Protein backbone atom coordinates (compact mmCIF):
# COMPACT_ATOMS: atom_id res chain seq x y z
CA UNK A 1 0.00 0.00 0.00
CA UNK A 2 1.44 3.41 -0.96
CA UNK A 3 2.29 5.95 1.72
CA UNK A 4 -0.02 8.94 1.98
CA UNK A 5 1.14 12.09 0.23
CA UNK A 6 1.79 14.93 2.68
CA UNK A 7 0.07 18.31 2.41
CA UNK A 8 2.17 21.39 1.71
CA UNK A 9 1.54 22.53 5.28
CA UNK A 10 2.85 19.22 6.66
CA UNK A 11 5.89 19.40 4.38
CA UNK A 12 6.63 22.96 5.50
CA UNK A 13 6.45 21.88 9.13
CA UNK A 14 8.98 19.09 8.51
CA UNK A 15 11.29 21.39 6.54
CA UNK A 16 11.78 23.47 9.69
CA UNK A 17 13.75 20.50 11.07
CA UNK A 18 15.65 19.79 7.84
CA UNK A 19 18.13 22.61 7.19
CA UNK A 20 19.14 22.97 3.57
CA UNK A 21 16.16 21.03 2.24
CA UNK A 22 13.46 22.64 0.11
CA UNK A 23 10.72 21.62 -2.28
CA UNK A 24 11.80 21.87 -5.90
CA UNK A 25 9.80 20.50 -8.83
CA UNK A 26 7.49 18.66 -6.42
CA UNK A 27 10.34 16.82 -4.69
CA UNK A 28 12.37 17.28 -1.53
CA UNK A 29 15.65 18.70 -2.77
CA UNK A 30 19.08 19.20 -1.19
CA UNK A 31 22.54 19.90 -2.50
CA UNK A 32 25.43 18.72 -0.35
CA UNK A 33 28.96 20.03 -0.78
CA UNK A 34 31.83 18.09 0.76
CA UNK A 35 35.52 19.03 1.07
CA UNK A 36 36.50 16.58 -1.68
CA UNK A 37 35.38 13.77 -3.98
CA UNK A 38 36.27 11.02 -1.50
CA UNK A 39 33.92 12.40 1.13
CA UNK A 40 31.13 12.90 -1.43
CA UNK A 41 31.43 9.27 -2.49
CA UNK A 42 31.75 8.23 1.17
CA UNK A 43 28.41 9.94 1.81
CA UNK A 44 26.81 8.06 -1.08
CA UNK A 45 28.23 4.72 0.08
CA UNK A 46 27.24 5.23 3.73
CA UNK A 47 23.75 6.30 2.69
CA UNK A 48 23.38 3.36 0.28
CA UNK A 49 23.36 0.84 3.13
CA UNK A 50 20.49 2.61 4.90
CA UNK A 51 18.65 3.34 1.68
CA UNK A 52 18.68 -0.30 0.66
CA UNK A 53 17.32 -1.39 4.06
CA UNK A 54 14.52 1.17 3.78
CA UNK A 55 13.88 0.16 0.14
CA UNK A 56 13.26 3.82 -0.64
CA UNK A 57 15.73 5.05 -3.22
CA UNK A 58 16.60 8.70 -3.98
CA UNK A 59 17.28 10.36 -7.26
CA UNK A 60 20.82 11.66 -6.88
CA UNK A 61 23.65 13.07 -8.91
CA UNK A 62 27.33 13.50 -8.09
CA UNK A 63 29.93 15.82 -9.59
CA UNK A 64 33.28 15.96 -7.80
CA UNK A 65 32.48 17.16 -4.25
CA UNK A 66 28.76 17.81 -4.74
CA UNK A 67 25.85 15.42 -4.28
CA UNK A 68 22.38 16.54 -5.34
CA UNK A 69 19.47 14.60 -3.85
CA UNK A 70 15.79 14.58 -4.82
CA UNK A 71 13.25 12.59 -2.83
CA UNK A 72 9.70 11.68 -3.79
CA UNK A 73 7.50 8.64 -3.38
CA UNK A 74 6.57 7.81 -6.95
CA UNK A 75 3.72 5.39 -6.15
CA UNK A 76 2.09 8.08 -3.96
CA UNK A 77 2.57 10.89 -6.46
CA UNK A 78 4.52 13.20 -4.19
CA UNK A 79 6.35 13.72 -0.92
CA UNK A 80 5.49 11.32 1.92
CA UNK A 81 6.78 10.52 5.38
CA UNK A 82 9.21 8.06 3.72
CA UNK A 83 10.93 11.03 2.06
CA UNK A 84 11.03 13.04 5.27
CA UNK A 85 12.52 10.08 7.15
CA UNK A 86 15.17 9.48 4.49
CA UNK A 87 16.09 13.19 4.40
CA UNK A 88 16.64 13.08 8.17
CA UNK A 89 18.92 10.04 7.82
CA UNK A 90 20.89 11.72 5.04
CA UNK A 91 21.38 14.75 7.30
CA UNK A 92 22.79 12.56 10.06
CA UNK A 93 25.23 10.91 7.64
CA UNK A 94 26.32 14.21 6.09
CA UNK A 95 27.17 15.73 9.49
CA UNK A 96 29.63 12.92 10.14
CA UNK A 97 31.42 13.58 6.82
CA UNK A 98 31.36 17.37 6.54
PDB file of N, CA and C in Angstrom:
ATOM      1  N   UNK A   1       0.853  -1.189   0.000  1.00  0.00           N
ATOM      2  CA  UNK A   1       0.000   0.000   0.000  1.00  0.00           C
ATOM      3  C   UNK A   1       0.889   1.240   0.000  1.00  0.00           C
ATOM      4  N   UNK A   2       0.626   2.188  -0.899  1.00  0.00           N
ATOM      5  CA  UNK A   2       1.440   3.407  -0.961  1.00  0.00           C
ATOM      6  C   UNK A   2       1.282   4.269   0.291  1.00  0.00           C
ATOM      7  N   UNK A   3       2.351   4.982   0.617  1.00  0.00           N
ATOM      8  CA  UNK A   3       2.291   5.950   1.718  1.00  0.00           C
ATOM      9  C   UNK A   3       1.420   7.124   1.291  1.00  0.00           C
ATOM     10  N   UNK A   4       0.849   7.804   2.282  1.00  0.00           N
ATOM     11  CA  UNK A   4      -0.016   8.940   1.983  1.00  0.00           C
ATOM     12  C   UNK A   4       0.823  10.181   1.694  1.00  0.00           C
ATOM     13  N   UNK A   5       0.482  10.845   0.617  1.00  0.00           N
ATOM     14  CA  UNK A   5       1.136  12.093   0.229  1.00  0.00           C
ATOM     15  C   UNK A   5       0.869  13.151   1.295  1.00  0.00           C
ATOM     16  N   UNK A   6       1.923  13.877   1.678  1.00  0.00           N
ATOM     17  CA  UNK A   6       1.786  14.934   2.676  1.00  0.00           C
ATOM     18  C   UNK A   6       1.231  16.211   2.057  1.00  0.00           C
ATOM     19  N   UNK A   7       0.542  17.008   2.864  1.00  0.00           N
ATOM     20  CA  UNK A   7       0.071  18.309   2.408  1.00  0.00           C
ATOM     21  C   UNK A   7       1.252  19.287   2.411  1.00  0.00           C
ATOM     22  N   UNK A   8       1.102  20.387   1.728  1.00  0.00           N
ATOM     23  CA  UNK A   8       2.168  21.389   1.710  1.00  0.00           C
ATOM     24  C   UNK A   8       2.435  21.918   3.116  1.00  0.00           C
ATOM     25  N   UNK A   9       1.386  22.069   3.903  1.00  0.00           N
ATOM     26  CA  UNK A   9       1.543  22.530   5.281  1.00  0.00           C
ATOM     27  C   UNK A   9       2.361  21.528   6.099  1.00  0.00           C
ATOM     28  N   UNK A  10       2.085  20.253   5.951  1.00  0.00           N
ATOM     29  CA  UNK A  10       2.847  19.219   6.657  1.00  0.00           C
ATOM     30  C   UNK A  10       4.310  19.212   6.212  1.00  0.00           C
ATOM     31  N   UNK A  11       4.522  19.355   4.915  1.00  0.00           N
ATOM     32  CA  UNK A  11       5.892  19.398   4.383  1.00  0.00           C
ATOM     33  C   UNK A  11       6.636  20.588   4.964  1.00  0.00           C
ATOM     34  N   UNK A  12       5.994  21.754   4.962  1.00  0.00           N
ATOM     35  CA  UNK A  12       6.634  22.965   5.496  1.00  0.00           C
ATOM     36  C   UNK A  12       7.017  22.792   6.960  1.00  0.00           C
ATOM     37  N   UNK A  13       6.169  22.121   7.716  1.00  0.00           N
ATOM     38  CA  UNK A  13       6.454  21.879   9.129  1.00  0.00           C
ATOM     39  C   UNK A  13       7.707  21.005   9.280  1.00  0.00           C
ATOM     40  N   UNK A  14       7.810  19.979   8.464  1.00  0.00           N
ATOM     41  CA  UNK A  14       8.980  19.092   8.512  1.00  0.00           C
ATOM     42  C   UNK A  14      10.247  19.804   8.044  1.00  0.00           C
ATOM     43  N   UNK A  15      10.119  20.680   7.063  1.00  0.00           N
ATOM     44  CA  UNK A  15      11.293  21.394   6.539  1.00  0.00           C
ATOM     45  C   UNK A  15      11.965  22.266   7.601  1.00  0.00           C
ATOM     46  N   UNK A  16      11.207  22.684   8.607  1.00  0.00           N
ATOM     47  CA  UNK A  16      11.785  23.471   9.693  1.00  0.00           C
ATOM     48  C   UNK A  16      12.872  22.693  10.431  1.00  0.00           C
ATOM     49  N   UNK A  17      12.786  21.366  10.386  1.00  0.00           N
ATOM     50  CA  UNK A  17      13.746  20.505  11.074  1.00  0.00           C
ATOM     51  C   UNK A  17      14.788  19.911  10.115  1.00  0.00           C
ATOM     52  N   UNK A  18      14.735  20.315   8.852  1.00  0.00           N
ATOM     53  CA  UNK A  18      15.649  19.786   7.841  1.00  0.00           C
ATOM     54  C   UNK A  18      16.382  20.931   7.148  1.00  0.00           C
ATOM     55  N   UNK A  19      17.408  21.470   7.780  1.00  0.00           N
ATOM     56  CA  UNK A  19      18.127  22.610   7.190  1.00  0.00           C
ATOM     57  C   UNK A  19      18.721  22.259   5.833  1.00  0.00           C
ATOM     58  N   UNK A  20      18.586  23.176   4.904  1.00  0.00           N
ATOM     59  CA  UNK A  20      19.141  22.971   3.571  1.00  0.00           C
ATOM     60  C   UNK A  20      18.194  22.289   2.601  1.00  0.00           C
ATOM     61  N   UNK A  21      17.131  21.699   3.098  1.00  0.00           N
ATOM     62  CA  UNK A  21      16.159  21.031   2.242  1.00  0.00           C
ATOM     63  C   UNK A  21      15.079  22.021   1.819  1.00  0.00           C
ATOM     64  N   UNK A  22      14.564  21.831   0.621  1.00  0.00           N
ATOM     65  CA  UNK A  22      13.460  22.641   0.112  1.00  0.00           C
ATOM     66  C   UNK A  22      12.649  21.784  -0.848  1.00  0.00           C
ATOM     67  N   UNK A  23      11.516  22.287  -1.260  1.00  0.00           N
ATOM     68  CA  UNK A  23      10.723  21.615  -2.275  1.00  0.00           C
ATOM     69  C   UNK A  23      11.076  22.259  -3.612  1.00  0.00           C
ATOM     70  N   UNK A  24      11.457  21.405  -4.555  1.00  0.00           N
ATOM     71  CA  UNK A  24      11.796  21.872  -5.899  1.00  0.00           C
ATOM     72  C   UNK A  24      11.226  20.868  -6.899  1.00  0.00           C
ATOM     73  N   UNK A  25      10.444  21.354  -7.820  1.00  0.00           N
ATOM     74  CA  UNK A  25       9.804  20.496  -8.827  1.00  0.00           C
ATOM     75  C   UNK A  25       9.009  19.354  -8.195  1.00  0.00           C
ATOM     76  N   UNK A  26       8.340  19.646  -7.066  1.00  0.00           N
ATOM     77  CA  UNK A  26       7.490  18.665  -6.418  1.00  0.00           C
ATOM     78  C   UNK A  26       8.226  17.592  -5.635  1.00  0.00           C
ATOM     79  N   UNK A  27       9.533  17.803  -5.414  1.00  0.00           N
ATOM     80  CA  UNK A  27      10.342  16.822  -4.692  1.00  0.00           C
ATOM     81  C   UNK A  27      11.097  17.516  -3.575  1.00  0.00           C
ATOM     82  N   UNK A  28      11.444  16.756  -2.523  1.00  0.00           N
ATOM     83  CA  UNK A  28      12.371  17.279  -1.527  1.00  0.00           C
ATOM     84  C   UNK A  28      13.738  17.343  -2.186  1.00  0.00           C
ATOM     85  N   UNK A  29      14.404  18.468  -2.045  1.00  0.00           N
ATOM     86  CA  UNK A  29      15.654  18.701  -2.772  1.00  0.00           C
ATOM     87  C   UNK A  29      16.726  19.237  -1.824  1.00  0.00           C
ATOM     88  N   UNK A  30      17.941  18.726  -1.999  1.00  0.00           N
ATOM     89  CA  UNK A  30      19.078  19.200  -1.186  1.00  0.00           C
ATOM     90  C   UNK A  30      20.349  19.021  -1.987  1.00  0.00           C
ATOM     91  N   UNK A  31      21.220  19.992  -1.894  1.00  0.00           N
ATOM     92  CA  UNK A  31      22.543  19.899  -2.497  1.00  0.00           C
ATOM     93  C   UNK A  31      23.575  19.901  -1.377  1.00  0.00           C
ATOM     94  N   UNK A  32      24.353  18.841  -1.334  1.00  0.00           N
ATOM     95  CA  UNK A  32      25.431  18.717  -0.348  1.00  0.00           C
ATOM     96  C   UNK A  32      26.749  19.061  -1.024  1.00  0.00           C
ATOM     97  N   UNK A  33      27.615  19.740  -0.293  1.00  0.00           N
ATOM     98  CA  UNK A  33      28.960  20.031  -0.781  1.00  0.00           C
ATOM     99  C   UNK A  33      29.943  19.551   0.272  1.00  0.00           C
ATOM    100  N   UNK A  34      30.838  18.677  -0.128  1.00  0.00           N
ATOM    101  CA  UNK A  34      31.826  18.091   0.762  1.00  0.00           C
ATOM    102  C   UNK A  34      33.207  18.642   0.430  1.00  0.00           C
ATOM    103  N   UNK A  35      34.174  18.488   1.330  1.00  0.00           N
ATOM    104  CA  UNK A  35      35.518  19.025   1.074  1.00  0.00           C
ATOM    105  C   UNK A  35      36.199  18.438  -0.169  1.00  0.00           C
ATOM    106  N   UNK A  36      35.859  17.184  -0.509  1.00  0.00           N
ATOM    107  CA  UNK A  36      36.496  16.579  -1.681  1.00  0.00           C
ATOM    108  C   UNK A  36      35.641  15.428  -2.219  1.00  0.00           C
ATOM    109  N   UNK A  37      36.094  14.862  -3.316  1.00  0.00           N
ATOM    110  CA  UNK A  37      35.380  13.773  -3.983  1.00  0.00           C
ATOM    111  C   UNK A  37      35.244  12.549  -3.085  1.00  0.00           C
ATOM    112  N   UNK A  38      36.310  12.206  -2.362  1.00  0.00           N
ATOM    113  CA  UNK A  38      36.273  11.016  -1.503  1.00  0.00           C
ATOM    114  C   UNK A  38      35.158  11.092  -0.470  1.00  0.00           C
ATOM    115  N   UNK A  39      34.976  12.259   0.128  1.00  0.00           N
ATOM    116  CA  UNK A  39      33.916  12.405   1.127  1.00  0.00           C
ATOM    117  C   UNK A  39      32.528  12.396   0.483  1.00  0.00           C
ATOM    118  N   UNK A  40      32.418  12.946  -0.719  1.00  0.00           N
ATOM    119  CA  UNK A  40      31.135  12.903  -1.430  1.00  0.00           C
ATOM    120  C   UNK A  40      30.747  11.457  -1.729  1.00  0.00           C
ATOM    121  N   UNK A  41      31.694  10.679  -2.197  1.00  0.00           N
ATOM    122  CA  UNK A  41      31.428   9.269  -2.486  1.00  0.00           C
ATOM    123  C   UNK A  41      31.215   8.498  -1.186  1.00  0.00           C
ATOM    124  N   UNK A  42      31.951   8.855  -0.134  1.00  0.00           N
ATOM    125  CA  UNK A  42      31.746   8.229   1.165  1.00  0.00           C
ATOM    126  C   UNK A  42      30.325   8.440   1.657  1.00  0.00           C
ATOM    127  N   UNK A  43      29.796   9.635   1.448  1.00  0.00           N
ATOM    128  CA  UNK A  43      28.413   9.941   1.811  1.00  0.00           C
ATOM    129  C   UNK A  43      27.458   9.027   1.050  1.00  0.00           C
ATOM    130  N   UNK A  44      27.666   8.905  -0.246  1.00  0.00           N
ATOM    131  CA  UNK A  44      26.807   8.062  -1.077  1.00  0.00           C
ATOM    132  C   UNK A  44      26.868   6.605  -0.605  1.00  0.00           C
ATOM    133  N   UNK A  45      28.066   6.122  -0.338  1.00  0.00           N
ATOM    134  CA  UNK A  45      28.225   4.723   0.079  1.00  0.00           C
ATOM    135  C   UNK A  45      27.611   4.470   1.461  1.00  0.00           C
ATOM    136  N   UNK A  46      27.824   5.393   2.395  1.00  0.00           N
ATOM    137  CA  UNK A  46      27.239   5.231   3.730  1.00  0.00           C
ATOM    138  C   UNK A  46      25.715   5.277   3.650  1.00  0.00           C
ATOM    139  N   UNK A  47      25.206   6.170   2.837  1.00  0.00           N
ATOM    140  CA  UNK A  47      23.755   6.299   2.688  1.00  0.00           C
ATOM    141  C   UNK A  47      23.159   5.076   1.987  1.00  0.00           C
ATOM    142  N   UNK A  48      23.899   4.479   1.061  1.00  0.00           N
ATOM    143  CA  UNK A  48      23.378   3.357   0.281  1.00  0.00           C
ATOM    144  C   UNK A  48      22.951   2.190   1.164  1.00  0.00           C
ATOM    145  N   UNK A  49      23.687   1.940   2.223  1.00  0.00           N
ATOM    146  CA  UNK A  49      23.359   0.835   3.126  1.00  0.00           C
ATOM    147  C   UNK A  49      21.987   1.067   3.770  1.00  0.00           C
ATOM    148  N   UNK A  50      21.771   2.273   4.263  1.00  0.00           N
ATOM    149  CA  UNK A  50      20.494   2.613   4.905  1.00  0.00           C
ATOM    150  C   UNK A  50      19.368   2.640   3.880  1.00  0.00           C
ATOM    151  N   UNK A  51      19.660   3.217   2.735  1.00  0.00           N
ATOM    152  CA  UNK A  51      18.653   3.340   1.680  1.00  0.00           C
ATOM    153  C   UNK A  51      18.153   1.966   1.251  1.00  0.00           C
ATOM    154  N   UNK A  52      19.073   1.041   1.087  1.00  0.00           N
ATOM    155  CA  UNK A  52      18.676  -0.304   0.660  1.00  0.00           C
ATOM    156  C   UNK A  52      17.802  -0.977   1.711  1.00  0.00           C
ATOM    157  N   UNK A  53      18.135  -0.803   2.984  1.00  0.00           N
ATOM    158  CA  UNK A  53      17.321  -1.386   4.056  1.00  0.00           C
ATOM    159  C   UNK A  53      15.919  -0.796   4.068  1.00  0.00           C
ATOM    160  N   UNK A  54      15.822   0.505   3.795  1.00  0.00           N
ATOM    161  CA  UNK A  54      14.519   1.174   3.778  1.00  0.00           C
ATOM    162  C   UNK A  54      13.750   0.889   2.483  1.00  0.00           C
ATOM    163  N   UNK A  55      14.472   0.404   1.459  1.00  0.00           N
ATOM    164  CA  UNK A  55      13.877   0.161   0.145  1.00  0.00           C
ATOM    165  C   UNK A  55      13.153   1.402  -0.379  1.00  0.00           C
ATOM    166  N   UNK A  56      13.793   2.535  -0.163  1.00  0.00           N
ATOM    167  CA  UNK A  56      13.259   3.818  -0.642  1.00  0.00           C
ATOM    168  C   UNK A  56      14.435   4.595  -1.219  1.00  0.00           C
ATOM    169  N   UNK A  57      14.531   4.596  -2.537  1.00  0.00           N
ATOM    170  CA  UNK A  57      15.735   5.049  -3.220  1.00  0.00           C
ATOM    171  C   UNK A  57      15.601   6.476  -3.755  1.00  0.00           C
ATOM    172  N   UNK A  58      16.629   7.311  -3.512  1.00  0.00           N
ATOM    173  CA  UNK A  58      16.596   8.698  -3.975  1.00  0.00           C
ATOM    174  C   UNK A  58      16.981   8.808  -5.446  1.00  0.00           C
ATOM    175  N   UNK A  59      16.686   9.953  -5.993  1.00  0.00           N
ATOM    176  CA  UNK A  59      17.284  10.362  -7.260  1.00  0.00           C
ATOM    177  C   UNK A  59      18.471  11.218  -6.839  1.00  0.00           C
ATOM    178  N   UNK A  60      19.676  10.842  -7.264  1.00  0.00           N
ATOM    179  CA  UNK A  60      20.821  11.663  -6.883  1.00  0.00           C
ATOM    180  C   UNK A  60      21.844  11.728  -7.981  1.00  0.00           C
ATOM    181  N   UNK A  61      22.681  12.744  -7.875  1.00  0.00           N
ATOM    182  CA  UNK A  61      23.647  13.068  -8.908  1.00  0.00           C
ATOM    183  C   UNK A  61      24.907  13.574  -8.224  1.00  0.00           C
ATOM    184  N   UNK A  62      26.054  13.107  -8.688  1.00  0.00           N
ATOM    185  CA  UNK A  62      27.328  13.496  -8.089  1.00  0.00           C
ATOM    186  C   UNK A  62      28.249  14.087  -9.131  1.00  0.00           C
ATOM    187  N   UNK A  63      28.836  15.229  -8.822  1.00  0.00           N
ATOM    188  CA  UNK A  63      29.927  15.818  -9.586  1.00  0.00           C
ATOM    189  C   UNK A  63      30.973  16.276  -8.580  1.00  0.00           C
ATOM    190  N   UNK A  64      32.154  15.701  -8.678  1.00  0.00           N
ATOM    191  CA  UNK A  64      33.282  15.960  -7.802  1.00  0.00           C
ATOM    192  C   UNK A  64      32.859  15.948  -6.334  1.00  0.00           C
ATOM    193  N   UNK A  65      32.771  17.116  -5.691  1.00  0.00           N
ATOM    194  CA  UNK A  65      32.481  17.156  -4.253  1.00  0.00           C
ATOM    195  C   UNK A  65      31.020  17.476  -3.941  1.00  0.00           C
ATOM    196  N   UNK A  66      30.169  17.468  -4.937  1.00  0.00           N
ATOM    197  CA  UNK A  66      28.759  17.806  -4.743  1.00  0.00           C
ATOM    198  C   UNK A  66      27.871  16.591  -4.987  1.00  0.00           C
ATOM    199  N   UNK A  67      26.863  16.457  -4.124  1.00  0.00           N
ATOM    200  CA  UNK A  67      25.845  15.420  -4.283  1.00  0.00           C
ATOM    201  C   UNK A  67      24.491  16.110  -4.224  1.00  0.00           C
ATOM    202  N   UNK A  68      23.720  15.975  -5.282  1.00  0.00           N
ATOM    203  CA  UNK A  68      22.379  16.543  -5.345  1.00  0.00           C
ATOM    204  C   UNK A  68      21.381  15.415  -5.135  1.00  0.00           C
ATOM    205  N   UNK A  69      20.435  15.635  -4.217  1.00  0.00           N
ATOM    206  CA  UNK A  69      19.467  14.599  -3.847  1.00  0.00           C
ATOM    207  C   UNK A  69      18.057  15.126  -4.060  1.00  0.00           C
ATOM    208  N   UNK A  70      17.214  14.307  -4.690  1.00  0.00           N
ATOM    209  CA  UNK A  70      15.788  14.579  -4.817  1.00  0.00           C
ATOM    210  C   UNK A  70      15.029  13.376  -4.278  1.00  0.00           C
ATOM    211  N   UNK A  71      14.040  13.651  -3.449  1.00  0.00           N
ATOM    212  CA  UNK A  71      13.247  12.592  -2.827  1.00  0.00           C
ATOM    213  C   UNK A  71      11.771  12.786  -3.138  1.00  0.00           C
ATOM    214  N   UNK A  72      11.142  11.722  -3.574  1.00  0.00           N
ATOM    215  CA  UNK A  72       9.700  11.682  -3.789  1.00  0.00           C
ATOM    216  C   UNK A  72       9.272  10.228  -3.729  1.00  0.00           C
ATOM    217  N   UNK A  73       8.034   9.994  -3.400  1.00  0.00           N
ATOM    218  CA  UNK A  73       7.499   8.638  -3.381  1.00  0.00           C
ATOM    219  C   UNK A  73       6.644   8.490  -4.630  1.00  0.00           C
ATOM    220  N   UNK A  74       7.212   7.862  -5.636  1.00  0.00           N
ATOM    221  CA  UNK A  74       6.567   7.806  -6.950  1.00  0.00           C
ATOM    222  C   UNK A  74       5.182   7.157  -6.910  1.00  0.00           C
ATOM    223  N   UNK A  75       5.024   6.061  -6.153  1.00  0.00           N
ATOM    224  CA  UNK A  75       3.725   5.388  -6.150  1.00  0.00           C
ATOM    225  C   UNK A  75       2.654   6.157  -5.376  1.00  0.00           C
ATOM    226  N   UNK A  76       3.061   7.223  -4.663  1.00  0.00           N
ATOM    227  CA  UNK A  76       2.092   8.084  -3.960  1.00  0.00           C
ATOM    228  C   UNK A  76       1.905   9.411  -4.685  1.00  0.00           C
ATOM    229  N   UNK A  77       2.718   9.680  -5.677  1.00  0.00           N
ATOM    230  CA  UNK A  77       2.570  10.892  -6.463  1.00  0.00           C
ATOM    231  C   UNK A  77       3.056  12.153  -5.774  1.00  0.00           C
ATOM    232  N   UNK A  78       4.002  12.011  -4.849  1.00  0.00           N
ATOM    233  CA  UNK A  78       4.521  13.203  -4.188  1.00  0.00           C
ATOM    234  C   UNK A  78       5.361  12.863  -2.967  1.00  0.00           C
ATOM    235  N   UNK A  79       5.515  13.842  -2.110  1.00  0.00           N
ATOM    236  CA  UNK A  79       6.347  13.721  -0.917  1.00  0.00           C
ATOM    237  C   UNK A  79       5.541  13.065   0.201  1.00  0.00           C
ATOM    238  N   UNK A  80       6.140  12.042   0.813  1.00  0.00           N
ATOM    239  CA  UNK A  80       5.490  11.316   1.916  1.00  0.00           C
ATOM    240  C   UNK A  80       6.424  11.288   3.123  1.00  0.00           C
ATOM    241  N   UNK A  81       5.953  10.659   4.189  1.00  0.00           N
ATOM    242  CA  UNK A  81       6.785  10.519   5.381  1.00  0.00           C
ATOM    243  C   UNK A  81       8.046   9.703   5.095  1.00  0.00           C
ATOM    244  N   UNK A  82       8.009   8.815   4.109  1.00  0.00           N
ATOM    245  CA  UNK A  82       9.206   8.065   3.717  1.00  0.00           C
ATOM    246  C   UNK A  82      10.310   9.019   3.276  1.00  0.00           C
ATOM    247  N   UNK A  83       9.954  10.054   2.543  1.00  0.00           N
ATOM    248  CA  UNK A  83      10.931  11.029   2.057  1.00  0.00           C
ATOM    249  C   UNK A  83      11.481  11.867   3.203  1.00  0.00           C
ATOM    250  N   UNK A  84      10.607  12.262   4.106  1.00  0.00           N
ATOM    251  CA  UNK A  84      11.033  13.036   5.274  1.00  0.00           C
ATOM    252  C   UNK A  84      12.004  12.215   6.113  1.00  0.00           C
ATOM    253  N   UNK A  85      11.655  10.960   6.351  1.00  0.00           N
ATOM    254  CA  UNK A  85      12.517  10.079   7.148  1.00  0.00           C
ATOM    255  C   UNK A  85      13.880   9.889   6.497  1.00  0.00           C
ATOM    256  N   UNK A  86      13.899   9.673   5.185  1.00  0.00           N
ATOM    257  CA  UNK A  86      15.170   9.480   4.488  1.00  0.00           C
ATOM    258  C   UNK A  86      15.997  10.760   4.497  1.00  0.00           C
ATOM    259  N   UNK A  87      15.365  11.915   4.331  1.00  0.00           N
ATOM    260  CA  UNK A  87      16.085  13.187   4.400  1.00  0.00           C
ATOM    261  C   UNK A  87      16.760  13.351   5.759  1.00  0.00           C
ATOM    262  N   UNK A  88      16.070  12.975   6.825  1.00  0.00           N
ATOM    263  CA  UNK A  88      16.645  13.084   8.174  1.00  0.00           C
ATOM    264  C   UNK A  88      17.857  12.167   8.324  1.00  0.00           C
ATOM    265  N   UNK A  89      17.784  10.971   7.776  1.00  0.00           N
ATOM    266  CA  UNK A  89      18.915  10.035   7.824  1.00  0.00           C
ATOM    267  C   UNK A  89      20.091  10.592   7.032  1.00  0.00           C
ATOM    268  N   UNK A  90      19.828  11.139   5.865  1.00  0.00           N
ATOM    269  CA  UNK A  90      20.894  11.722   5.040  1.00  0.00           C
ATOM    270  C   UNK A  90      21.575  12.878   5.772  1.00  0.00           C
ATOM    271  N   UNK A  91      20.798  13.651   6.503  1.00  0.00           N
ATOM    272  CA  UNK A  91      21.384  14.751   7.297  1.00  0.00           C
ATOM    273  C   UNK A  91      22.340  14.200   8.345  1.00  0.00           C
ATOM    274  N   UNK A  92      21.936  13.159   9.028  1.00  0.00           N
ATOM    275  CA  UNK A  92      22.791  12.564  10.061  1.00  0.00           C
ATOM    276  C   UNK A  92      24.096  12.051   9.460  1.00  0.00           C
ATOM    277  N   UNK A  93      24.021  11.424   8.308  1.00  0.00           N
ATOM    278  CA  UNK A  93      25.225  10.910   7.644  1.00  0.00           C
ATOM    279  C   UNK A  93      26.107  12.060   7.185  1.00  0.00           C
ATOM    280  N   UNK A  94      25.523  13.091   6.626  1.00  0.00           N
ATOM    281  CA  UNK A  94      26.319  14.210   6.088  1.00  0.00           C
ATOM    282  C   UNK A  94      27.091  14.942   7.188  1.00  0.00           C
ATOM    283  N   UNK A  95      26.503  15.039   8.368  1.00  0.00           N
ATOM    284  CA  UNK A  95      27.165  15.727   9.492  1.00  0.00           C
ATOM    285  C   UNK A  95      28.455  15.003   9.875  1.00  0.00           C
ATOM    286  N   UNK A  96      28.442  13.698   9.801  1.00  0.00           N
ATOM    287  CA  UNK A  96      29.631  12.921  10.142  1.00  0.00           C
ATOM    288  C   UNK A  96      30.763  13.109   9.122  1.00  0.00           C
ATOM    289  N   UNK A  97      30.416  13.492   7.885  1.00  0.00           N
ATOM    290  CA  UNK A  97      31.417  13.579   6.825  1.00  0.00           C
ATOM    291  C   UNK A  97      31.821  15.007   6.449  1.00  0.00           C
ATOM    292  N   UNK A  98      31.096  15.976   6.934  1.00  0.00           N
ATOM    293  CA  UNK A  98      31.360  17.370   6.542  1.00  0.00           C
ATOM    294  C   UNK A  98      32.621  17.921   7.169  1.00  0.00           C
TER     295      UNK A  98
END
